[in-house]
């Protein structure tokens, strides 16, 4: 059995522009009261933000996923930052020498641990 809060979070995360709370309960196929409890749980956990929005003169809310900080372990190889951050070159990942060198360094660092 799936967790309704997890399902709601996945729906919200899949809409970067946000999803209306009045639409979320329809998507999840739950009543508006249950949806409100789910939204409150996600808000209290800091996983989403709620922005007041008027649609057709009726107040509702836009729900957006909050951004989480990136785990530094996923962008560092030793002391080197992944070269793609800040890179403005158009390239193919399989042919990017800077990226391949960085990945090689990452493999060495993991092997040494």
PDB file of N, CA and C in Angstrom:
ATOM      1  N   UNK A   1       0.843  -1.185   0.000  1.00  0.00           N
ATOM      2  CA  UNK A   1       0.000   0.000   0.000  1.00  0.00           C
ATOM      3  C   UNK A   1       0.887   1.247   0.000  1.00  0.00           C
ATOM      4  N   UNK A   2       0.588   2.200  -0.860  1.00  0.00           N
ATOM      5  CA  UNK A   2       1.432   3.388  -0.958  1.00  0.00           C
ATOM      6  C   UNK A   2       1.031   4.424   0.084  1.00  0.00           C
ATOM      7  N   UNK A   3       1.989   5.260   0.414  1.00  0.00           N
ATOM      8  CA  UNK A   3       1.777   6.341   1.370  1.00  0.00           C
ATOM      9  C   UNK A   3       1.206   7.541   0.614  1.00  0.00           C
ATOM     10  N   UNK A   4       0.029   8.059   1.000  1.00  0.00           N
ATOM     11  CA  UNK A   4      -0.577   9.189   0.291  1.00  0.00           C
ATOM     12  C   UNK A   4       0.313  10.439   0.267  1.00  0.00           C
ATOM     13  N   UNK A   5       1.074  10.672   1.343  1.00  0.00           N
ATOM     14  CA  UNK A   5       1.962  11.835   1.376  1.00  0.00           C
ATOM     15  C   UNK A   5       3.082  11.686   0.352  1.00  0.00           C
ATOM     16  N   UNK A   6       3.615  10.472   0.211  1.00  0.00           N
ATOM     17  CA  UNK A   6       4.651  10.224  -0.795  1.00  0.00           C
ATOM     18  C   UNK A   6       4.094  10.415  -2.201  1.00  0.00           C
ATOM     19  N   UNK A   7       2.871   9.915  -2.409  1.00  0.00           N
ATOM     20  CA  UNK A   7       2.229  10.078  -3.718  1.00  0.00           C
ATOM     21  C   UNK A   7       2.025  11.559  -4.032  1.00  0.00           C
ATOM     22  N   UNK A   8       1.552  12.308  -3.029  1.00  0.00           N
ATOM     23  CA  UNK A   8       1.315  13.741  -3.224  1.00  0.00           C
ATOM     24  C   UNK A   8       2.624  14.467  -3.537  1.00  0.00           C
ATOM     25  N   UNK A   9       3.684  14.124  -2.809  1.00  0.00           N
ATOM     26  CA  UNK A   9       4.978  14.764  -3.042  1.00  0.00           C
ATOM     27  C   UNK A   9       5.478  14.481  -4.452  1.00  0.00           C
ATOM     28  N   UNK A  10       5.309  13.263  -4.924  1.00  0.00           N
ATOM     29  CA  UNK A  10       5.734  12.922  -6.290  1.00  0.00           C
ATOM     30  C   UNK A  10       4.971  13.744  -7.323  1.00  0.00           C
ATOM     31  N   UNK A  11       3.666  13.908  -7.099  1.00  0.00           N
ATOM     32  CA  UNK A  11       2.864  14.711  -8.019  1.00  0.00           C
ATOM     33  C   UNK A  11       3.353  16.156  -8.008  1.00  0.00           C
ATOM     34  N   UNK A  12       3.574  16.700  -6.826  1.00  0.00           N
ATOM     35  CA  UNK A  12       4.021  18.095  -6.699  1.00  0.00           C
ATOM     36  C   UNK A  12       5.398  18.277  -7.327  1.00  0.00           C
ATOM     37  N   UNK A  13       6.295  17.335  -7.080  1.00  0.00           N
ATOM     38  CA  UNK A  13       7.641  17.426  -7.652  1.00  0.00           C
ATOM     39  C   UNK A  13       7.616  17.309  -9.169  1.00  0.00           C
ATOM     40  N   UNK A  14       6.635  16.633  -9.711  1.00  0.00           N
ATOM     41  CA  UNK A  14       6.569  16.466 -11.164  1.00  0.00           C
ATOM     42  C   UNK A  14       6.013  17.708 -11.867  1.00  0.00           C
ATOM     43  N   UNK A  15       5.603  18.697 -11.103  1.00  0.00           N
ATOM     44  CA  UNK A  15       5.096  19.963 -11.648  1.00  0.00           C
ATOM     45  C   UNK A  15       5.973  21.107 -11.117  1.00  0.00           C
ATOM     46  N   UNK A  16       7.110  21.385 -11.773  1.00  0.00           N
ATOM     47  CA  UNK A  16       8.010  22.428 -11.270  1.00  0.00           C
ATOM     48  C   UNK A  16       7.330  23.786 -11.121  1.00  0.00           C
ATOM     49  N   UNK A  17       6.312  24.047 -11.950  1.00  0.00           N
ATOM     50  CA  UNK A  17       5.603  25.330 -11.870  1.00  0.00           C
ATOM     51  C   UNK A  17       4.607  25.328 -10.718  1.00  0.00           C
ATOM     52  N   UNK A  18       4.389  24.173 -10.112  1.00  0.00           N
ATOM     53  CA  UNK A  18       3.462  24.038  -9.002  1.00  0.00           C
ATOM     54  C   UNK A  18       2.166  23.388  -9.446  1.00  0.00           C
ATOM     55  N   UNK A  19       1.428  22.886  -8.488  1.00  0.00           N
ATOM     56  CA  UNK A  19       0.124  22.269  -8.746  1.00  0.00           C
ATOM     57  C   UNK A  19      -0.877  22.907  -7.791  1.00  0.00           C
ATOM     58  N   UNK A  20      -2.069  23.178  -8.282  1.00  0.00           N
ATOM     59  CA  UNK A  20      -3.099  23.757  -7.429  1.00  0.00           C
ATOM     60  C   UNK A  20      -3.563  22.709  -6.421  1.00  0.00           C
ATOM     61  N   UNK A  21      -3.715  23.140  -5.167  1.00  0.00           N
ATOM     62  CA  UNK A  21      -4.186  22.218  -4.147  1.00  0.00           C
ATOM     63  C   UNK A  21      -5.574  21.702  -4.521  1.00  0.00           C
ATOM     64  N   UNK A  22      -6.370  22.553  -5.133  1.00  0.00           N
ATOM     65  CA  UNK A  22      -7.720  22.141  -5.539  1.00  0.00           C
ATOM     66  C   UNK A  22      -7.699  21.092  -6.642  1.00  0.00           C
ATOM     67  N   UNK A  23      -6.571  20.961  -7.337  1.00  0.00           N
ATOM     68  CA  UNK A  23      -6.417  19.913  -8.358  1.00  0.00           C
ATOM     69  C   UNK A  23      -5.748  18.672  -7.777  1.00  0.00           C
ATOM     70  N   UNK A  24      -4.899  18.881  -6.768  1.00  0.00           N
ATOM     71  CA  UNK A  24      -4.152  17.763  -6.194  1.00  0.00           C
ATOM     72  C   UNK A  24      -5.076  16.681  -5.648  1.00  0.00           C
ATOM     73  N   UNK A  25      -6.111  17.090  -4.938  1.00  0.00           N
ATOM     74  CA  UNK A  25      -6.976  16.066  -4.354  1.00  0.00           C
ATOM     75  C   UNK A  25      -7.710  15.276  -5.434  1.00  0.00           C
ATOM     76  N   UNK A  26      -7.951  15.897  -6.573  1.00  0.00           N
ATOM     77  CA  UNK A  26      -8.585  15.176  -7.683  1.00  0.00           C
ATOM     78  C   UNK A  26      -7.586  14.190  -8.306  1.00  0.00           C
ATOM     79  N   UNK A  27      -6.348  14.633  -8.458  1.00  0.00           N
ATOM     80  CA  UNK A  27      -5.306  13.766  -9.014  1.00  0.00           C
ATOM     81  C   UNK A  27      -5.086  12.547  -8.123  1.00  0.00           C
ATOM     82  N   UNK A  28      -5.069  12.787  -6.807  1.00  0.00           N
ATOM     83  CA  UNK A  28      -4.817  11.701  -5.847  1.00  0.00           C
ATOM     84  C   UNK A  28      -6.058  10.850  -5.587  1.00  0.00           C
ATOM     85  N   UNK A  29      -7.206  11.331  -6.062  1.00  0.00           N
ATOM     86  CA  UNK A  29      -8.472  10.650  -5.841  1.00  0.00           C
ATOM     87  C   UNK A  29      -8.781  10.494  -4.351  1.00  0.00           C
ATOM     88  N   UNK A  30      -8.633  11.624  -3.621  1.00  0.00           N
ATOM     89  CA  UNK A  30      -8.996  11.698  -2.207  1.00  0.00           C
ATOM     90  C   UNK A  30      -9.900  12.909  -2.031  1.00  0.00           C
ATOM     91  N   UNK A  31     -10.586  12.978  -0.891  1.00  0.00           N
ATOM     92  CA  UNK A  31     -11.432  14.150  -0.665  1.00  0.00           C
ATOM     93  C   UNK A  31     -10.580  15.334  -0.235  1.00  0.00           C
ATOM     94  N   UNK A  32     -11.159  16.525  -0.313  1.00  0.00           N
ATOM     95  CA  UNK A  32     -10.396  17.748  -0.040  1.00  0.00           C
ATOM     96  C   UNK A  32      -9.892  17.797   1.401  1.00  0.00           C
ATOM     97  N   UNK A  33     -10.642  17.231   2.340  1.00  0.00           N
ATOM     98  CA  UNK A  33     -10.220  17.234   3.747  1.00  0.00           C
ATOM     99  C   UNK A  33      -8.958  16.385   3.932  1.00  0.00           C
ATOM    100  N   UNK A  34      -8.958  15.196   3.328  1.00  0.00           N
ATOM    101  CA  UNK A  34      -7.774  14.326   3.433  1.00  0.00           C
ATOM    102  C   UNK A  34      -6.583  14.990   2.745  1.00  0.00           C
ATOM    103  N   UNK A  35      -6.830  15.630   1.607  1.00  0.00           N
ATOM    104  CA  UNK A  35      -5.749  16.322   0.900  1.00  0.00           C
ATOM    105  C   UNK A  35      -5.157  17.424   1.771  1.00  0.00           C
ATOM    106  N   UNK A  36      -6.016  18.153   2.487  1.00  0.00           N
ATOM    107  CA  UNK A  36      -5.527  19.223   3.376  1.00  0.00           C
ATOM    108  C   UNK A  36      -4.608  18.661   4.449  1.00  0.00           C
ATOM    109  N   UNK A  37      -4.955  17.493   4.992  1.00  0.00           N
ATOM    110  CA  UNK A  37      -4.099  16.863   6.015  1.00  0.00           C
ATOM    111  C   UNK A  37      -2.755  16.432   5.419  1.00  0.00           C
ATOM    112  N   UNK A  38      -2.798  15.903   4.206  1.00  0.00           N
ATOM    113  CA  UNK A  38      -1.564  15.489   3.522  1.00  0.00           C
ATOM    114  C   UNK A  38      -0.682  16.707   3.271  1.00  0.00           C
ATOM    115  N   UNK A  39      -1.281  17.784   2.770  1.00  0.00           N
ATOM    116  CA  UNK A  39      -0.540  19.020   2.479  1.00  0.00           C
ATOM    117  C   UNK A  39       0.072  19.565   3.760  1.00  0.00           C
ATOM    118  N   UNK A  40      -0.689  19.561   4.860  1.00  0.00           N
ATOM    119  CA  UNK A  40      -0.158  20.061   6.134  1.00  0.00           C
ATOM    120  C   UNK A  40       1.058  19.251   6.566  1.00  0.00           C
ATOM    121  N   UNK A  41       0.985  17.936   6.409  1.00  0.00           N
ATOM    122  CA  UNK A  41       2.120  17.073   6.781  1.00  0.00           C
ATOM    123  C   UNK A  41       3.359  17.421   5.944  1.00  0.00           C
ATOM    124  N   UNK A  42       3.162  17.632   4.639  1.00  0.00           N
ATOM    125  CA  UNK A  42       4.293  17.979   3.765  1.00  0.00           C
ATOM    126  C   UNK A  42       4.839  19.367   4.087  1.00  0.00           C
ATOM    127  N   UNK A  43       3.942  20.310   4.408  1.00  0.00           N
ATOM    128  CA  UNK A  43       4.383  21.655   4.801  1.00  0.00           C
ATOM    129  C   UNK A  43       5.183  21.601   6.093  1.00  0.00           C
ATOM    130  N   UNK A  44       4.663  20.880   7.091  1.00  0.00           N
ATOM    131  CA  UNK A  44       5.352  20.766   8.381  1.00  0.00           C
ATOM    132  C   UNK A  44       6.716  20.117   8.249  1.00  0.00           C
ATOM    133  N   UNK A  45       6.856  19.235   7.256  1.00  0.00           N
ATOM    134  CA  UNK A  45       8.139  18.566   7.015  1.00  0.00           C
ATOM    135  C   UNK A  45       9.101  19.433   6.207  1.00  0.00           C
ATOM    136  N   UNK A  46       8.602  20.561   5.694  1.00  0.00           N
ATOM    137  CA  UNK A  46       9.447  21.442   4.895  1.00  0.00           C
ATOM    138  C   UNK A  46       9.685  20.939   3.480  1.00  0.00           C
ATOM    139  N   UNK A  47       8.871  19.974   3.033  1.00  0.00           N
ATOM    140  CA  UNK A  47       9.076  19.402   1.708  1.00  0.00           C
ATOM    141  C   UNK A  47       8.405  20.205   0.600  1.00  0.00           C
ATOM    142  N   UNK A  48       7.399  21.008   0.976  1.00  0.00           N
ATOM    143  CA  UNK A  48       6.700  21.828  -0.008  1.00  0.00           C
ATOM    144  C   UNK A  48       6.460  23.221   0.547  1.00  0.00           C
ATOM    145  N   UNK A  49       6.125  24.130  -0.347  1.00  0.00           N
ATOM    146  CA  UNK A  49       5.673  25.454   0.057  1.00  0.00           C
ATOM    147  C   UNK A  49       4.306  25.677  -0.551  1.00  0.00           C
ATOM    148  N   UNK A  50       3.515  26.538   0.093  1.00  0.00           N
ATOM    149  CA  UNK A  50       2.153  26.801  -0.356  1.00  0.00           C
ATOM    150  C   UNK A  50       1.998  28.294  -0.589  1.00  0.00           C
ATOM    151  N   UNK A  51       1.560  28.653  -1.797  1.00  0.00           N
ATOM    152  CA  UNK A  51       1.436  30.053  -2.191  1.00  0.00           C
ATOM    153  C   UNK A  51      -0.031  30.321  -2.518  1.00  0.00           C
ATOM    154  N   UNK A  52      -0.578  31.372  -1.872  1.00  0.00           N
ATOM    155  CA  UNK A  52      -1.981  31.703  -2.109  1.00  0.00           C
ATOM    156  C   UNK A  52      -2.198  32.079  -3.570  1.00  0.00           C
ATOM    157  N   UNK A  53      -3.334  31.644  -4.122  1.00  0.00           N
ATOM    158  CA  UNK A  53      -3.625  31.839  -5.533  1.00  0.00           C
ATOM    159  C   UNK A  53      -5.136  31.946  -5.688  1.00  0.00           C
ATOM    160  N   UNK A  54      -5.585  32.883  -6.500  1.00  0.00           N
ATOM    161  CA  UNK A  54      -7.020  32.999  -6.777  1.00  0.00           C
ATOM    162  C   UNK A  54      -7.295  32.522  -8.184  1.00  0.00           C
ATOM    163  N   UNK A  55      -8.262  31.610  -8.287  1.00  0.00           N
ATOM    164  CA  UNK A  55      -8.668  31.059  -9.581  1.00  0.00           C
ATOM    165  C   UNK A  55     -10.173  31.257  -9.697  1.00  0.00           C
ATOM    166  N   UNK A  56     -10.562  32.005 -10.703  1.00  0.00           N
ATOM    167  CA  UNK A  56     -11.977  32.302 -10.915  1.00  0.00           C
ATOM    168  C   UNK A  56     -12.608  32.932  -9.670  1.00  0.00           C
ATOM    169  N   UNK A  57     -11.849  33.786  -8.994  1.00  0.00           N
ATOM    170  CA  UNK A  57     -12.346  34.467  -7.803  1.00  0.00           C
ATOM    171  C   UNK A  57     -12.371  33.611  -6.549  1.00  0.00           C
ATOM    172  N   UNK A  58     -11.941  32.368  -6.646  1.00  0.00           N
ATOM    173  CA  UNK A  58     -11.929  31.453  -5.504  1.00  0.00           C
ATOM    174  C   UNK A  58     -10.488  31.255  -5.052  1.00  0.00           C
ATOM    175  N   UNK A  59     -10.282  31.400  -3.743  1.00  0.00           N
ATOM    176  CA  UNK A  59      -8.934  31.255  -3.193  1.00  0.00           C
ATOM    177  C   UNK A  59      -8.552  29.784  -3.121  1.00  0.00           C
ATOM    178  N   UNK A  60      -7.387  29.485  -3.632  1.00  0.00           N
ATOM    179  CA  UNK A  60      -6.797  28.156  -3.516  1.00  0.00           C
ATOM    180  C   UNK A  60      -5.298  28.371  -3.288  1.00  0.00           C
ATOM    181  N   UNK A  61      -4.510  27.345  -3.414  1.00  0.00           N
ATOM    182  CA  UNK A  61      -3.069  27.450  -3.196  1.00  0.00           C
ATOM    183  C   UNK A  61      -2.318  26.711  -4.294  1.00  0.00           C
ATOM    184  N   UNK A  62      -1.162  27.273  -4.649  1.00  0.00           N
ATOM    185  CA  UNK A  62      -0.224  26.580  -5.525  1.00  0.00           C
ATOM    186  C   UNK A  62       0.781  25.891  -4.612  1.00  0.00           C
ATOM    187  N   UNK A  63       0.995  24.621  -4.847  1.00  0.00           N
ATOM    188  CA  UNK A  63       1.940  23.836  -4.053  1.00  0.00           C
ATOM    189  C   UNK A  63       3.179  23.568  -4.885  1.00  0.00           C
ATOM    190  N   UNK A  64       4.331  23.892  -4.317  1.00  0.00           N
ATOM    191  CA  UNK A  64       5.605  23.661  -5.004  1.00  0.00           C
ATOM    192  C   UNK A  64       6.547  22.925  -4.072  1.00  0.00           C
ATOM    193  N   UNK A  65       7.339  22.045  -4.647  1.00  0.00           N
ATOM    194  CA  UNK A  65       8.353  21.334  -3.867  1.00  0.00           C
ATOM    195  C   UNK A  65       9.461  22.317  -3.504  1.00  0.00           C
ATOM    196  N   UNK A  66       9.943  22.209  -2.286  1.00  0.00           N
ATOM    197  CA  UNK A  66      11.070  23.050  -1.879  1.00  0.00           C
ATOM    198  C   UNK A  66      12.343  22.441  -2.433  1.00  0.00           C
ATOM    199  N   UNK A  67      13.296  23.245  -2.669  1.00  0.00           N
ATOM    200  CA  UNK A  67      14.575  22.759  -3.188  1.00  0.00           C
ATOM    201  C   UNK A  67      15.444  22.329  -2.022  1.00  0.00           C
ATOM    202  N   UNK A  68      16.022  21.182  -2.188  1.00  0.00           N
ATOM    203  CA  UNK A  68      16.925  20.642  -1.177  1.00  0.00           C
ATOM    204  C   UNK A  68      18.360  20.912  -1.599  1.00  0.00           C
ATOM    205  N   UNK A  69      19.257  21.152  -0.628  1.00  0.00           N
ATOM    206  CA  UNK A  69      20.658  21.330  -0.994  1.00  0.00           C
ATOM    207  C   UNK A  69      21.218  20.052  -1.602  1.00  0.00           C
ATOM    208  N   UNK A  70      22.133  20.223  -2.523  1.00  0.00           N
ATOM    209  CA  UNK A  70      22.773  19.083  -3.187  1.00  0.00           C
ATOM    210  C   UNK A  70      23.784  18.465  -2.233  1.00  0.00           C
ATOM    211  N   UNK A  71      23.786  17.154  -2.186  1.00  0.00           N
ATOM    212  CA  UNK A  71      24.765  16.430  -1.382  1.00  0.00           C
ATOM    213  C   UNK A  71      26.140  16.638  -2.007  1.00  0.00           C
ATOM    214  N   UNK A  72      27.098  17.250  -1.277  1.00  0.00           N
ATOM    215  CA  UNK A  72      28.418  17.537  -1.857  1.00  0.00           C
ATOM    216  C   UNK A  72      29.135  16.299  -2.374  1.00  0.00           C
ATOM    217  N   UNK A  73      28.840  15.149  -1.805  1.00  0.00           N
ATOM    218  CA  UNK A  73      29.491  13.914  -2.264  1.00  0.00           C
ATOM    219  C   UNK A  73      29.129  13.593  -3.708  1.00  0.00           C
ATOM    220  N   UNK A  74      28.001  14.119  -4.181  1.00  0.00           N
ATOM    221  CA  UNK A  74      27.567  13.829  -5.541  1.00  0.00           C
ATOM    222  C   UNK A  74      28.181  14.754  -6.573  1.00  0.00           C
ATOM    223  N   UNK A  75      28.882  15.795  -6.127  1.00  0.00           N
ATOM    224  CA  UNK A  75      29.493  16.718  -7.086  1.00  0.00           C
ATOM    225  C   UNK A  75      30.995  16.876  -6.884  1.00  0.00           C
ATOM    226  N   UNK A  76      31.563  16.108  -5.950  1.00  0.00           N
ATOM    227  CA  UNK A  76      32.996  16.188  -5.688  1.00  0.00           C
ATOM    228  C   UNK A  76      33.673  14.849  -5.954  1.00  0.00           C
ATOM    229  N   UNK A  77      34.859  14.932  -6.526  1.00  0.00           N
ATOM    230  CA  UNK A  77      35.754  13.778  -6.632  1.00  0.00           C
ATOM    231  C   UNK A  77      37.022  14.217  -5.930  1.00  0.00           C
ATOM    232  N   UNK A  78      37.204  13.731  -4.716  1.00  0.00           N
ATOM    233  CA  UNK A  78      38.302  14.251  -3.909  1.00  0.00           C
ATOM    234  C   UNK A  78      37.988  15.703  -3.595  1.00  0.00           C
ATOM    235  N   UNK A  79      38.854  16.600  -4.022  1.00  0.00           N
ATOM    236  CA  UNK A  79      38.625  18.025  -3.834  1.00  0.00           C
ATOM    237  C   UNK A  79      38.141  18.713  -5.105  1.00  0.00           C
ATOM    238  N   UNK A  80      37.922  17.936  -6.162  1.00  0.00           N
ATOM    239  CA  UNK A  80      37.540  18.523  -7.449  1.00  0.00           C
ATOM    240  C   UNK A  80      36.036  18.527  -7.645  1.00  0.00           C
ATOM    241  N   UNK A  81      35.515  19.675  -8.014  1.00  0.00           N
ATOM    242  CA  UNK A  81      34.098  19.844  -8.314  1.00  0.00           C
ATOM    243  C   UNK A  81      33.803  19.306  -9.704  1.00  0.00           C
ATOM    244  N   UNK A  82      32.639  18.696  -9.890  1.00  0.00           N
ATOM    245  CA  UNK A  82      32.278  18.167 -11.207  1.00  0.00           C
ATOM    246  C   UNK A  82      32.423  19.291 -12.244  1.00  0.00           C
ATOM    247  N   UNK A  83      33.107  19.040 -13.334  1.00  0.00           N
ATOM    248  CA  UNK A  83      33.408  20.100 -14.296  1.00  0.00           C
ATOM    249  C   UNK A  83      32.180  20.643 -15.024  1.00  0.00           C
ATOM    250  N   UNK A  84      31.073  19.939 -14.983  1.00  0.00           N
ATOM    251  CA  UNK A  84      29.872  20.391 -15.700  1.00  0.00           C
ATOM    252  C   UNK A  84      29.224  21.606 -15.034  1.00  0.00           C
ATOM    253  N   UNK A  85      29.482  21.784 -13.746  1.00  0.00           N
ATOM    254  CA  UNK A  85      28.923  22.940 -13.052  1.00  0.00           C
ATOM    255  C   UNK A  85      29.638  24.184 -13.548  1.00  0.00           C
ATOM    256  N   UNK A  86      28.895  25.073 -14.104  1.00  0.00           N
ATOM    257  CA  UNK A  86      29.459  26.314 -14.631  1.00  0.00           C
ATOM    258  C   UNK A  86      30.023  26.192 -16.036  1.00  0.00           C
ATOM    259  N   UNK A  87      29.993  24.998 -16.610  1.00  0.00           N
ATOM    260  CA  UNK A  87      30.512  24.800 -17.954  1.00  0.00           C
ATOM    261  C   UNK A  87      29.472  25.271 -18.972  1.00  0.00           C
ATOM    262  N   UNK A  88      29.914  26.056 -19.938  1.00  0.00           N
ATOM    263  CA  UNK A  88      28.969  26.551 -20.938  1.00  0.00           C
ATOM    264  C   UNK A  88      29.207  25.916 -22.311  1.00  0.00           C
ATOM    265  N   UNK A  89      30.025  24.872 -22.346  1.00  0.00           N
ATOM    266  CA  UNK A  89      30.302  24.195 -23.615  1.00  0.00           C
ATOM    267  C   UNK A  89      29.185  23.220 -23.956  1.00  0.00           C
ATOM    268  N   UNK A  90      28.839  23.152 -25.223  1.00  0.00           N
ATOM    269  CA  UNK A  90      27.891  22.155 -25.716  1.00  0.00           C
ATOM    270  C   UNK A  90      28.708  20.901 -26.004  1.00  0.00           C
ATOM    271  N   UNK A  91      28.422  19.818 -25.273  1.00  0.00           N
ATOM    272  CA  UNK A  91      29.211  18.611 -25.503  1.00  0.00           C
ATOM    273  C   UNK A  91      28.369  17.372 -25.284  1.00  0.00           C
ATOM    274  N   UNK A  92      28.914  16.265 -25.669  1.00  0.00           N
ATOM    275  CA  UNK A  92      28.324  14.958 -25.450  1.00  0.00           C
ATOM    276  C   UNK A  92      29.057  14.363 -24.246  1.00  0.00           C
ATOM    277  N   UNK A  93      28.318  13.929 -23.230  1.00  0.00           N
ATOM    278  CA  UNK A  93      28.939  13.449 -21.997  1.00  0.00           C
ATOM    279  C   UNK A  93      29.938  12.318 -22.243  1.00  0.00           C
ATOM    280  N   UNK A  94      29.647  11.447 -23.217  1.00  0.00           N
ATOM    281  CA  UNK A  94      30.557  10.339 -23.495  1.00  0.00           C
ATOM    282  C   UNK A  94      31.859  10.797 -24.142  1.00  0.00           C
ATOM    283  N   UNK A  95      31.888  11.997 -24.672  1.00  0.00           N
ATOM    284  CA  UNK A  95      33.081  12.491 -25.362  1.00  0.00           C
ATOM    285  C   UNK A  95      33.750  13.669 -24.652  1.00  0.00           C
ATOM    286  N   UNK A  96      33.241  14.048 -23.497  1.00  0.00           N
ATOM    287  CA  UNK A  96      33.805  15.194 -22.771  1.00  0.00           C
ATOM    288  C   UNK A  96      35.021  14.746 -21.958  1.00  0.00           C
ATOM    289  N   UNK A  97      36.193  15.210 -22.373  1.00  0.00           N
ATOM    290  CA  UNK A  97      37.431  14.799 -21.697  1.00  0.00           C
ATOM    291  C   UNK A  97      37.492  15.316 -20.261  1.00  0.00           C
ATOM    292  N   UNK A  98      37.004  16.524 -20.025  1.00  0.00           N
ATOM    293  CA  UNK A  98      37.013  17.066 -18.659  1.00  0.00           C
ATOM    294  C   UNK A  98      36.155  16.219 -17.733  1.00  0.00           C
ATOM    295  N   UNK A  99      34.977  15.811 -18.209  1.00  0.00           N
ATOM    296  CA  UNK A  99      34.084  14.983 -17.406  1.00  0.00           C
ATOM    297  C   UNK A  99      34.673  13.596 -17.192  1.00  0.00           C
ATOM    298  N   UNK A 100      35.237  13.023 -18.237  1.00  0.00           N
ATOM    299  CA  UNK A 100      35.834  11.693 -18.113  1.00  0.00           C
ATOM    300  C   UNK A 100      37.010  11.702 -17.134  1.00  0.00           C
ATOM    301  N   UNK A 101      37.848  12.741 -17.161  1.00  0.00           N
ATOM    302  CA  UNK A 101      38.950  12.851 -16.213  1.00  0.00           C
ATOM    303  C   UNK A 101      38.421  12.948 -14.780  1.00  0.00           C
ATOM    304  N   UNK A 102      37.350  13.732 -14.612  1.00  0.00           N
ATOM    305  CA  UNK A 102      36.759  13.894 -13.288  1.00  0.00           C
ATOM    306  C   UNK A 102      36.207  12.555 -12.790  1.00  0.00           C
ATOM    307  N   UNK A 103      35.527  11.808 -13.665  1.00  0.00           N
ATOM    308  CA  UNK A 103      34.972  10.517 -13.282  1.00  0.00           C
ATOM    309  C   UNK A 103      36.081   9.525 -12.929  1.00  0.00           C
ATOM    310  N   UNK A 104      37.184   9.605 -13.647  1.00  0.00           N
ATOM    311  CA  UNK A 104      38.331   8.746 -13.348  1.00  0.00           C
ATOM    312  C   UNK A 104      38.859   9.067 -11.941  1.00  0.00           C
ATOM    313  N   UNK A 105      38.954  10.360 -11.634  1.00  0.00           N
ATOM    314  CA  UNK A 105      39.406  10.770 -10.300  1.00  0.00           C
ATOM    315  C   UNK A 105      38.431  10.286  -9.224  1.00  0.00           C
ATOM    316  N   UNK A 106      37.139  10.353  -9.525  1.00  0.00           N
ATOM    317  CA  UNK A 106      36.123   9.884  -8.585  1.00  0.00           C
ATOM    318  C   UNK A 106      36.302   8.383  -8.311  1.00  0.00           C
ATOM    319  N   UNK A 107      36.558   7.596  -9.359  1.00  0.00           N
ATOM    320  CA  UNK A 107      36.766   6.159  -9.207  1.00  0.00           C
ATOM    321  C   UNK A 107      37.993   5.886  -8.348  1.00  0.00           C
ATOM    322  N   UNK A 108      39.062   6.668  -8.552  1.00  0.00           N
ATOM    323  CA  UNK A 108      40.285   6.485  -7.754  1.00  0.00           C
ATOM    324  C   UNK A 108      40.006   6.793  -6.306  1.00  0.00           C
ATOM    325  N   UNK A 109      39.286   7.888  -6.038  1.00  0.00           N
ATOM    326  CA  UNK A 109      38.973   8.271  -4.653  1.00  0.00           C
ATOM    327  C   UNK A 109      38.133   7.202  -3.963  1.00  0.00           C
ATOM    328  N   UNK A 110      37.165   6.640  -4.665  1.00  0.00           N
ATOM    329  CA  UNK A 110      36.322   5.591  -4.077  1.00  0.00           C
ATOM    330  C   UNK A 110      37.117   4.326  -3.840  1.00  0.00           C
ATOM    331  N   UNK A 111      38.041   4.000  -4.717  1.00  0.00           N
ATOM    332  CA  UNK A 111      38.859   2.799  -4.563  1.00  0.00           C
ATOM    333  C   UNK A 111      39.805   2.929  -3.372  1.00  0.00           C
ATOM    334  N   UNK A 112      40.251   4.148  -3.069  1.00  0.00           N
ATOM    335  CA  UNK A 112      41.163   4.371  -1.955  1.00  0.00           C
ATOM    336  C   UNK A 112      40.467   4.311  -0.610  1.00  0.00           C
ATOM    337  N   UNK A 113      39.140   4.467  -0.584  1.00  0.00           N
ATOM    338  CA  UNK A 113      38.413   4.485   0.695  1.00  0.00           C
ATOM    339  C   UNK A 113      38.226   3.146   1.260  1.00  0.00           C
TER     340      UNK A 113
END
